[in-house]
């Protein structure tokens, strides 16, 4: 799913994952895939615990608020990804 707004020219891609890993091997594979993703995208992503998201609208509001704060140079955190979580 993509968050698209006329106010911001760039797309924000939202991917939802649920990890049901009970084995150590599966958890190790998941961690290595996540580490590779982090290495490729650096600060251009945010990991959010889906259990604390009430709805997709809730998540979209957080993304929009973070984009507005970044545009206005008023981030309360160091990166856009952290601002979305905040």
PDB file of N, CA and C in Angstrom:
ATOM      1  N   UNK A   1       0.846  -1.159   0.000  1.00  0.00           N
ATOM      2  CA  UNK A   1       0.000   0.000   0.000  1.00  0.00           C
ATOM      3  C   UNK A   1       0.897   1.227   0.000  1.00  0.00           C
ATOM      4  N   UNK A   2       0.496   2.258  -0.708  1.00  0.00           N
ATOM      5  CA  UNK A   2       1.251   3.495  -0.764  1.00  0.00           C
ATOM      6  C   UNK A   2       0.443   4.633  -0.162  1.00  0.00           C
ATOM      7  N   UNK A   3       1.131   5.482   0.569  1.00  0.00           N
ATOM      8  CA  UNK A   3       0.528   6.712   1.093  1.00  0.00           C
ATOM      9  C   UNK A   3       0.874   7.801   0.096  1.00  0.00           C
ATOM     10  N   UNK A   4      -0.126   8.367  -0.549  1.00  0.00           N
ATOM     11  CA  UNK A   4       0.101   9.388  -1.569  1.00  0.00           C
ATOM     12  C   UNK A   4      -0.720  10.622  -1.205  1.00  0.00           C
ATOM     13  N   UNK A   5      -0.059  11.762  -1.239  1.00  0.00           N
ATOM     14  CA  UNK A   5      -0.736  13.015  -0.924  1.00  0.00           C
ATOM     15  C   UNK A   5      -0.337  14.057  -1.955  1.00  0.00           C
ATOM     16  N   UNK A   6      -1.241  14.937  -2.308  1.00  0.00           N
ATOM     17  CA  UNK A   6      -0.921  16.015  -3.242  1.00  0.00           C
ATOM     18  C   UNK A   6       0.088  16.982  -2.639  1.00  0.00           C
ATOM     19  N   UNK A   7       0.158  17.050  -1.330  1.00  0.00           N
ATOM     20  CA  UNK A   7       1.073  17.977  -0.662  1.00  0.00           C
ATOM     21  C   UNK A   7       2.527  17.514  -0.713  1.00  0.00           C
ATOM     22  N   UNK A   8       2.744  16.207  -0.907  1.00  0.00           N
ATOM     23  CA  UNK A   8       4.091  15.654  -0.879  1.00  0.00           C
ATOM     24  C   UNK A   8       4.309  14.830  -2.142  1.00  0.00           C
ATOM     25  N   UNK A   9       5.306  15.173  -2.930  1.00  0.00           N
ATOM     26  CA  UNK A   9       5.498  14.507  -4.224  1.00  0.00           C
ATOM     27  C   UNK A   9       5.988  13.058  -4.115  1.00  0.00           C
ATOM     28  N   UNK A  10       6.635  12.700  -3.033  1.00  0.00           N
ATOM     29  CA  UNK A  10       7.183  11.354  -2.909  1.00  0.00           C
ATOM     30  C   UNK A  10       6.178  10.394  -2.304  1.00  0.00           C
ATOM     31  N   UNK A  11       6.267   9.153  -2.713  1.00  0.00           N
ATOM     32  CA  UNK A  11       5.402   8.127  -2.147  1.00  0.00           C
ATOM     33  C   UNK A  11       6.020   7.577  -0.873  1.00  0.00           C
ATOM     34  N   UNK A  12       5.161   7.185   0.032  1.00  0.00           N
ATOM     35  CA  UNK A  12       5.587   6.477   1.231  1.00  0.00           C
ATOM     36  C   UNK A  12       4.970   5.090   1.119  1.00  0.00           C
ATOM     37  N   UNK A  13       5.821   4.080   1.018  1.00  0.00           N
ATOM     38  CA  UNK A  13       5.329   2.712   0.878  1.00  0.00           C
ATOM     39  C   UNK A  13       5.147   2.102   2.260  1.00  0.00           C
ATOM     40  N   UNK A  14       3.989   1.525   2.496  1.00  0.00           N
ATOM     41  CA  UNK A  14       3.684   0.900   3.778  1.00  0.00           C
ATOM     42  C   UNK A  14       3.545  -0.598   3.550  1.00  0.00           C
ATOM     43  N   UNK A  15       4.375  -1.367   4.212  1.00  0.00           N
ATOM     44  CA  UNK A  15       4.308  -2.826   4.116  1.00  0.00           C
ATOM     45  C   UNK A  15       4.008  -3.369   5.501  1.00  0.00           C
ATOM     46  N   UNK A  16       3.013  -4.216   5.591  1.00  0.00           N
ATOM     47  CA  UNK A  16       2.618  -4.790   6.867  1.00  0.00           C
ATOM     48  C   UNK A  16       3.066  -6.244   6.929  1.00  0.00           C
ATOM     49  N   UNK A  17       3.727  -6.600   8.005  1.00  0.00           N
ATOM     50  CA  UNK A  17       4.229  -7.955   8.182  1.00  0.00           C
ATOM     51  C   UNK A  17       3.801  -8.472   9.542  1.00  0.00           C
ATOM     52  N   UNK A  18       3.603  -9.751   9.611  1.00  0.00           N
ATOM     53  CA  UNK A  18       3.343 -10.405  10.891  1.00  0.00           C
ATOM     54  C   UNK A  18       4.325 -11.562  10.998  1.00  0.00           C
ATOM     55  N   UNK A  19       5.116 -11.548  12.028  1.00  0.00           N
ATOM     56  CA  UNK A  19       6.120 -12.584  12.222  1.00  0.00           C
ATOM     57  C   UNK A  19       5.602 -13.626  13.194  1.00  0.00           C
ATOM     58  N   UNK A  20       5.432 -14.814  12.707  1.00  0.00           N
ATOM     59  CA  UNK A  20       5.038 -15.944  13.546  1.00  0.00           C
ATOM     60  C   UNK A  20       6.191 -16.935  13.580  1.00  0.00           C
ATOM     61  N   UNK A  21       7.245 -16.543  14.229  1.00  0.00           N
ATOM     62  CA  UNK A  21       8.425 -17.401  14.270  1.00  0.00           C
ATOM     63  C   UNK A  21       8.535 -18.038  15.640  1.00  0.00           C
ATOM     64  N   UNK A  22       8.492 -19.343  15.639  1.00  0.00           N
ATOM     65  CA  UNK A  22       8.657 -20.057  16.897  1.00  0.00           C
ATOM     66  C   UNK A  22      10.003 -20.758  16.958  1.00  0.00           C
ATOM     67  N   UNK A  23      10.616 -20.980  15.803  1.00  0.00           N
ATOM     68  CA  UNK A  23      11.911 -21.653  15.804  1.00  0.00           C
ATOM     69  C   UNK A  23      13.040 -20.630  15.765  1.00  0.00           C
ATOM     70  N   UNK A  24      14.160 -21.000  16.329  1.00  0.00           N
ATOM     71  CA  UNK A  24      15.326 -20.116  16.345  1.00  0.00           C
ATOM     72  C   UNK A  24      15.852 -19.878  14.936  1.00  0.00           C
ATOM     73  N   UNK A  25      15.779 -20.902  14.087  1.00  0.00           N
ATOM     74  CA  UNK A  25      16.281 -20.784  12.719  1.00  0.00           C
ATOM     75  C   UNK A  25      15.460 -19.757  11.925  1.00  0.00           C
ATOM     76  N   UNK A  26      14.152 -19.811  12.060  1.00  0.00           N
ATOM     77  CA  UNK A  26      13.287 -18.868  11.351  1.00  0.00           C
ATOM     78  C   UNK A  26      13.515 -17.448  11.853  1.00  0.00           C
ATOM     79  N   UNK A  27      13.705 -17.294  13.148  1.00  0.00           N
ATOM     80  CA  UNK A  27      13.966 -15.977  13.713  1.00  0.00           C
ATOM     81  C   UNK A  27      15.300 -15.428  13.215  1.00  0.00           C
ATOM     82  N   UNK A  28      16.310 -16.278  13.122  1.00  0.00           N
ATOM     83  CA  UNK A  28      17.621 -15.866  12.615  1.00  0.00           C
ATOM     84  C   UNK A  28      17.524 -15.422  11.164  1.00  0.00           C
ATOM     85  N   UNK A  29      16.760 -16.141  10.349  1.00  0.00           N
ATOM     86  CA  UNK A  29      16.576 -15.760   8.947  1.00  0.00           C
ATOM     87  C   UNK A  29      15.853 -14.423   8.842  1.00  0.00           C
ATOM     88  N   UNK A  30      14.841 -14.233   9.663  1.00  0.00           N
ATOM     89  CA  UNK A  30      14.090 -12.982   9.648  1.00  0.00           C
ATOM     90  C   UNK A  30      14.990 -11.816  10.038  1.00  0.00           C
ATOM     91  N   UNK A  31      15.798 -12.003  11.054  1.00  0.00           N
ATOM     92  CA  UNK A  31      16.714 -10.948  11.494  1.00  0.00           C
ATOM     93  C   UNK A  31      17.725 -10.605  10.412  1.00  0.00           C
ATOM     94  N   UNK A  32      18.236 -11.615   9.707  1.00  0.00           N
ATOM     95  CA  UNK A  32      19.222 -11.352   8.659  1.00  0.00           C
ATOM     96  C   UNK A  32      18.589 -10.617   7.481  1.00  0.00           C
ATOM     97  N   UNK A  33      17.341 -10.967   7.126  1.00  0.00           N
ATOM     98  CA  UNK A  33      16.643 -10.252   6.052  1.00  0.00           C
ATOM     99  C   UNK A  33      16.397  -8.801   6.446  1.00  0.00           C
ATOM    100  N   UNK A  34      16.011  -8.588   7.680  1.00  0.00           N
ATOM    101  CA  UNK A  34      15.775  -7.235   8.167  1.00  0.00           C
ATOM    102  C   UNK A  34      17.072  -6.428   8.198  1.00  0.00           C
ATOM    103  N   UNK A  35      18.167  -7.047   8.607  1.00  0.00           N
ATOM    104  CA  UNK A  35      19.466  -6.369   8.640  1.00  0.00           C
ATOM    105  C   UNK A  35      19.903  -5.964   7.230  1.00  0.00           C
ATOM    106  N   UNK A  36      19.637  -6.811   6.244  1.00  0.00           N
ATOM    107  CA  UNK A  36      19.970  -6.485   4.858  1.00  0.00           C
ATOM    108  C   UNK A  36      19.133  -5.302   4.366  1.00  0.00           C
ATOM    109  N   UNK A  37      17.867  -5.296   4.712  1.00  0.00           N
ATOM    110  CA  UNK A  37      16.990  -4.193   4.346  1.00  0.00           C
ATOM    111  C   UNK A  37      17.476  -2.894   4.966  1.00  0.00           C
ATOM    112  N   UNK A  38      17.831  -2.934   6.224  1.00  0.00           N
ATOM    113  CA  UNK A  38      18.337  -1.747   6.930  1.00  0.00           C
ATOM    114  C   UNK A  38      19.592  -1.225   6.238  1.00  0.00           C
ATOM    115  N   UNK A  39      20.481  -2.128   5.857  1.00  0.00           N
ATOM    116  CA  UNK A  39      21.726  -1.741   5.204  1.00  0.00           C
ATOM    117  C   UNK A  39      21.451  -1.038   3.874  1.00  0.00           C
ATOM    118  N   UNK A  40      20.453  -1.508   3.128  1.00  0.00           N
ATOM    119  CA  UNK A  40      20.154  -0.939   1.817  1.00  0.00           C
ATOM    120  C   UNK A  40      19.442   0.407   1.911  1.00  0.00           C
ATOM    121  N   UNK A  41      18.588   0.582   2.905  1.00  0.00           N
ATOM    122  CA  UNK A  41      17.733   1.763   2.940  1.00  0.00           C
ATOM    123  C   UNK A  41      18.081   2.762   4.038  1.00  0.00           C
ATOM    124  N   UNK A  42      19.010   2.453   4.889  1.00  0.00           N
ATOM    125  CA  UNK A  42      19.485   3.352   5.940  1.00  0.00           C
ATOM    126  C   UNK A  42      18.334   3.997   6.709  1.00  0.00           C
ATOM    127  N   UNK A  43      18.169   5.315   6.617  1.00  0.00           N
ATOM    128  CA  UNK A  43      17.165   6.013   7.430  1.00  0.00           C
ATOM    129  C   UNK A  43      15.850   6.248   6.688  1.00  0.00           C
ATOM    130  N   UNK A  44      15.645   5.579   5.566  1.00  0.00           N
ATOM    131  CA  UNK A  44      14.452   5.822   4.760  1.00  0.00           C
ATOM    132  C   UNK A  44      13.331   4.829   5.075  1.00  0.00           C
ATOM    133  N   UNK A  45      13.274   4.367   6.286  1.00  0.00           N
ATOM    134  CA  UNK A  45      12.225   3.418   6.651  1.00  0.00           C
ATOM    135  C   UNK A  45      11.922   3.536   8.131  1.00  0.00           C
ATOM    136  N   UNK A  46      10.820   2.944   8.513  1.00  0.00           N
ATOM    137  CA  UNK A  46      10.424   2.910   9.910  1.00  0.00           C
ATOM    138  C   UNK A  46       9.794   1.558  10.194  1.00  0.00           C
ATOM    139  N   UNK A  47      10.130   0.975  11.300  1.00  0.00           N
ATOM    140  CA  UNK A  47       9.529  -0.284  11.711  1.00  0.00           C
ATOM    141  C   UNK A  47       8.558   0.034  12.840  1.00  0.00           C
ATOM    142  N   UNK A  48       7.297  -0.325  12.626  1.00  0.00           N
ATOM    143  CA  UNK A  48       6.248  -0.015  13.585  1.00  0.00           C
ATOM    144  C   UNK A  48       5.598  -1.313  14.036  1.00  0.00           C
ATOM    145  N   UNK A  49       5.421  -1.462  15.318  1.00  0.00           N
ATOM    146  CA  UNK A  49       4.726  -2.627  15.860  1.00  0.00           C
ATOM    147  C   UNK A  49       3.255  -2.529  15.472  1.00  0.00           C
ATOM    148  N   UNK A  50       2.802  -3.456  14.638  1.00  0.00           N
ATOM    149  CA  UNK A  50       1.431  -3.414  14.128  1.00  0.00           C
ATOM    150  C   UNK A  50       0.391  -3.579  15.229  1.00  0.00           C
ATOM    151  N   UNK A  51       0.774  -4.139  16.358  1.00  0.00           N
ATOM    152  CA  UNK A  51      -0.181  -4.337  17.452  1.00  0.00           C
ATOM    153  C   UNK A  51      -0.643  -3.019  18.069  1.00  0.00           C
ATOM    154  N   UNK A  52       0.146  -1.950  17.896  1.00  0.00           N
ATOM    155  CA  UNK A  52      -0.226  -0.665  18.482  1.00  0.00           C
ATOM    156  C   UNK A  52      -0.937   0.248  17.491  1.00  0.00           C
ATOM    157  N   UNK A  53      -1.131  -0.216  16.264  1.00  0.00           N
ATOM    158  CA  UNK A  53      -1.826   0.567  15.248  1.00  0.00           C
ATOM    159  C   UNK A  53      -3.311   0.223  15.295  1.00  0.00           C
ATOM    160  N   UNK A  54      -4.133   1.215  15.566  1.00  0.00           N
ATOM    161  CA  UNK A  54      -5.574   0.976  15.679  1.00  0.00           C
ATOM    162  C   UNK A  54      -6.211   0.732  14.317  1.00  0.00           C
ATOM    163  N   UNK A  55      -5.730   1.443  13.287  1.00  0.00           N
ATOM    164  CA  UNK A  55      -6.276   1.287  11.943  1.00  0.00           C
ATOM    165  C   UNK A  55      -5.269   1.846  10.942  1.00  0.00           C
ATOM    166  N   UNK A  56      -5.508   1.595   9.670  1.00  0.00           N
ATOM    167  CA  UNK A  56      -4.636   2.158   8.643  1.00  0.00           C
ATOM    168  C   UNK A  56      -4.758   3.676   8.603  1.00  0.00           C
ATOM    169  N   UNK A  57      -5.915   4.187   8.936  1.00  0.00           N
ATOM    170  CA  UNK A  57      -6.085   5.639   9.007  1.00  0.00           C
ATOM    171  C   UNK A  57      -5.172   6.220  10.096  1.00  0.00           C
ATOM    172  N   UNK A  58      -5.068   5.538  11.209  1.00  0.00           N
ATOM    173  CA  UNK A  58      -4.187   5.926  12.301  1.00  0.00           C
ATOM    174  C   UNK A  58      -2.740   6.011  11.806  1.00  0.00           C
ATOM    175  N   UNK A  59      -2.315   5.016  11.040  1.00  0.00           N
ATOM    176  CA  UNK A  59      -0.959   4.992  10.499  1.00  0.00           C
ATOM    177  C   UNK A  59      -0.766   6.113   9.478  1.00  0.00           C
ATOM    178  N   UNK A  60      -1.741   6.323   8.604  1.00  0.00           N
ATOM    179  CA  UNK A  60      -1.646   7.396   7.609  1.00  0.00           C
ATOM    180  C   UNK A  60      -1.554   8.772   8.253  1.00  0.00           C
ATOM    181  N   UNK A  61      -2.267   8.973   9.349  1.00  0.00           N
ATOM    182  CA  UNK A  61      -2.187  10.250  10.067  1.00  0.00           C
ATOM    183  C   UNK A  61      -0.774  10.446  10.620  1.00  0.00           C
ATOM    184  N   UNK A  62      -0.181   9.393  11.162  1.00  0.00           N
ATOM    185  CA  UNK A  62       1.189   9.484  11.671  1.00  0.00           C
ATOM    186  C   UNK A  62       2.187   9.809  10.585  1.00  0.00           C
ATOM    187  N   UNK A  63       2.024   9.190   9.422  1.00  0.00           N
ATOM    188  CA  UNK A  63       2.916   9.469   8.286  1.00  0.00           C
ATOM    189  C   UNK A  63       2.743  10.914   7.828  1.00  0.00           C
ATOM    190  N   UNK A  64       1.498  11.342   7.682  1.00  0.00           N
ATOM    191  CA  UNK A  64       1.240  12.714   7.236  1.00  0.00           C
ATOM    192  C   UNK A  64       1.815  13.734   8.219  1.00  0.00           C
ATOM    193  N   UNK A  65       1.632  13.475   9.505  1.00  0.00           N
ATOM    194  CA  UNK A  65       2.151  14.399  10.526  1.00  0.00           C
ATOM    195  C   UNK A  65       3.679  14.455  10.460  1.00  0.00           C
ATOM    196  N   UNK A  66       4.319  13.309  10.277  1.00  0.00           N
ATOM    197  CA  UNK A  66       5.777  13.278  10.183  1.00  0.00           C
ATOM    198  C   UNK A  66       6.261  14.030   8.945  1.00  0.00           C
ATOM    199  N   UNK A  67       5.568  13.872   7.823  1.00  0.00           N
ATOM    200  CA  UNK A  67       5.950  14.583   6.602  1.00  0.00           C
ATOM    201  C   UNK A  67       5.794  16.096   6.756  1.00  0.00           C
ATOM    202  N   UNK A  68       4.736  16.517   7.418  1.00  0.00           N
ATOM    203  CA  UNK A  68       4.533  17.953   7.666  1.00  0.00           C
ATOM    204  C   UNK A  68       5.648  18.485   8.561  1.00  0.00           C
ATOM    205  N   UNK A  69       5.979  17.751   9.615  1.00  0.00           N
ATOM    206  CA  UNK A  69       7.052  18.185  10.517  1.00  0.00           C
ATOM    207  C   UNK A  69       8.387  18.272   9.786  1.00  0.00           C
ATOM    208  N   UNK A  70       8.655  17.303   8.896  1.00  0.00           N
ATOM    209  CA  UNK A  70       9.911  17.340   8.139  1.00  0.00           C
ATOM    210  C   UNK A  70       9.918  18.536   7.191  1.00  0.00           C
ATOM    211  N   UNK A  71       8.814  18.760   6.491  1.00  0.00           N
ATOM    212  CA  UNK A  71       8.717  19.885   5.562  1.00  0.00           C
ATOM    213  C   UNK A  71       8.951  21.210   6.280  1.00  0.00           C
ATOM    214  N   UNK A  72       8.424  21.328   7.489  1.00  0.00           N
ATOM    215  CA  UNK A  72       8.518  22.569   8.252  1.00  0.00           C
ATOM    216  C   UNK A  72       9.766  22.639   9.134  1.00  0.00           C
ATOM    217  N   UNK A  73      10.663  21.653   8.986  1.00  0.00           N
ATOM    218  CA  UNK A  73      11.886  21.582   9.805  1.00  0.00           C
ATOM    219  C   UNK A  73      11.579  21.610  11.291  1.00  0.00           C
ATOM    220  N   UNK A  74      10.574  20.845  11.708  1.00  0.00           N
ATOM    221  CA  UNK A  74      10.183  20.787  13.114  1.00  0.00           C
ATOM    222  C   UNK A  74      10.146  19.343  13.623  1.00  0.00           C
ATOM    223  N   UNK A  75      11.052  18.508  13.142  1.00  0.00           N
ATOM    224  CA  UNK A  75      11.085  17.126  13.622  1.00  0.00           C
ATOM    225  C   UNK A  75      11.420  17.097  15.104  1.00  0.00           C
ATOM    226  N   UNK A  76      10.698  16.293  15.840  1.00  0.00           N
ATOM    227  CA  UNK A  76      10.979  16.116  17.265  1.00  0.00           C
ATOM    228  C   UNK A  76      12.023  15.032  17.488  1.00  0.00           C
ATOM    229  N   UNK A  77      12.285  14.231  16.433  1.00  0.00           N
ATOM    230  CA  UNK A  77      13.265  13.152  16.500  1.00  0.00           C
ATOM    231  C   UNK A  77      14.325  13.386  15.425  1.00  0.00           C
ATOM    232  N   UNK A  78      15.283  12.468  15.308  1.00  0.00           N
ATOM    233  CA  UNK A  78      16.400  12.645  14.383  1.00  0.00           C
ATOM    234  C   UNK A  78      16.065  12.310  12.932  1.00  0.00           C
ATOM    235  N   UNK A  79      15.152  11.364  12.697  1.00  0.00           N
ATOM    236  CA  UNK A  79      14.867  10.925  11.330  1.00  0.00           C
ATOM    237  C   UNK A  79      13.365  10.864  11.090  1.00  0.00           C
ATOM    238  N   UNK A  80      13.011  10.816   9.810  1.00  0.00           N
ATOM    239  CA  UNK A  80      11.600  10.724   9.443  1.00  0.00           C
ATOM    240  C   UNK A  80      10.998   9.403   9.934  1.00  0.00           C
ATOM    241  N   UNK A  81      11.749   8.338   9.848  1.00  0.00           N
ATOM    242  CA  UNK A  81      11.262   7.044  10.324  1.00  0.00           C
ATOM    243  C   UNK A  81      10.930   7.062  11.807  1.00  0.00           C
ATOM    244  N   UNK A  82      11.793   7.666  12.588  1.00  0.00           N
ATOM    245  CA  UNK A  82      11.532   7.786  14.028  1.00  0.00           C
ATOM    246  C   UNK A  82      10.353   8.712  14.303  1.00  0.00           C
ATOM    247  N   UNK A  83      10.198   9.723  13.455  1.00  0.00           N
ATOM    248  CA  UNK A  83       9.088  10.659  13.630  1.00  0.00           C
ATOM    249  C   UNK A  83       7.745   9.965  13.395  1.00  0.00           C
ATOM    250  N   UNK A  84       7.696   9.047  12.453  1.00  0.00           N
ATOM    251  CA  UNK A  84       6.471   8.288  12.202  1.00  0.00           C
ATOM    252  C   UNK A  84       6.107   7.471  13.427  1.00  0.00           C
ATOM    253  N   UNK A  85       7.091   6.832  14.040  1.00  0.00           N
ATOM    254  CA  UNK A  85       6.835   6.037  15.247  1.00  0.00           C
ATOM    255  C   UNK A  85       6.408   6.940  16.392  1.00  0.00           C
ATOM    256  N   UNK A  86       7.038   8.092  16.511  1.00  0.00           N
ATOM    257  CA  UNK A  86       6.720   9.040  17.579  1.00  0.00           C
ATOM    258  C   UNK A  86       5.288   9.487  17.476  1.00  0.00           C
TER     259      UNK A  86
END
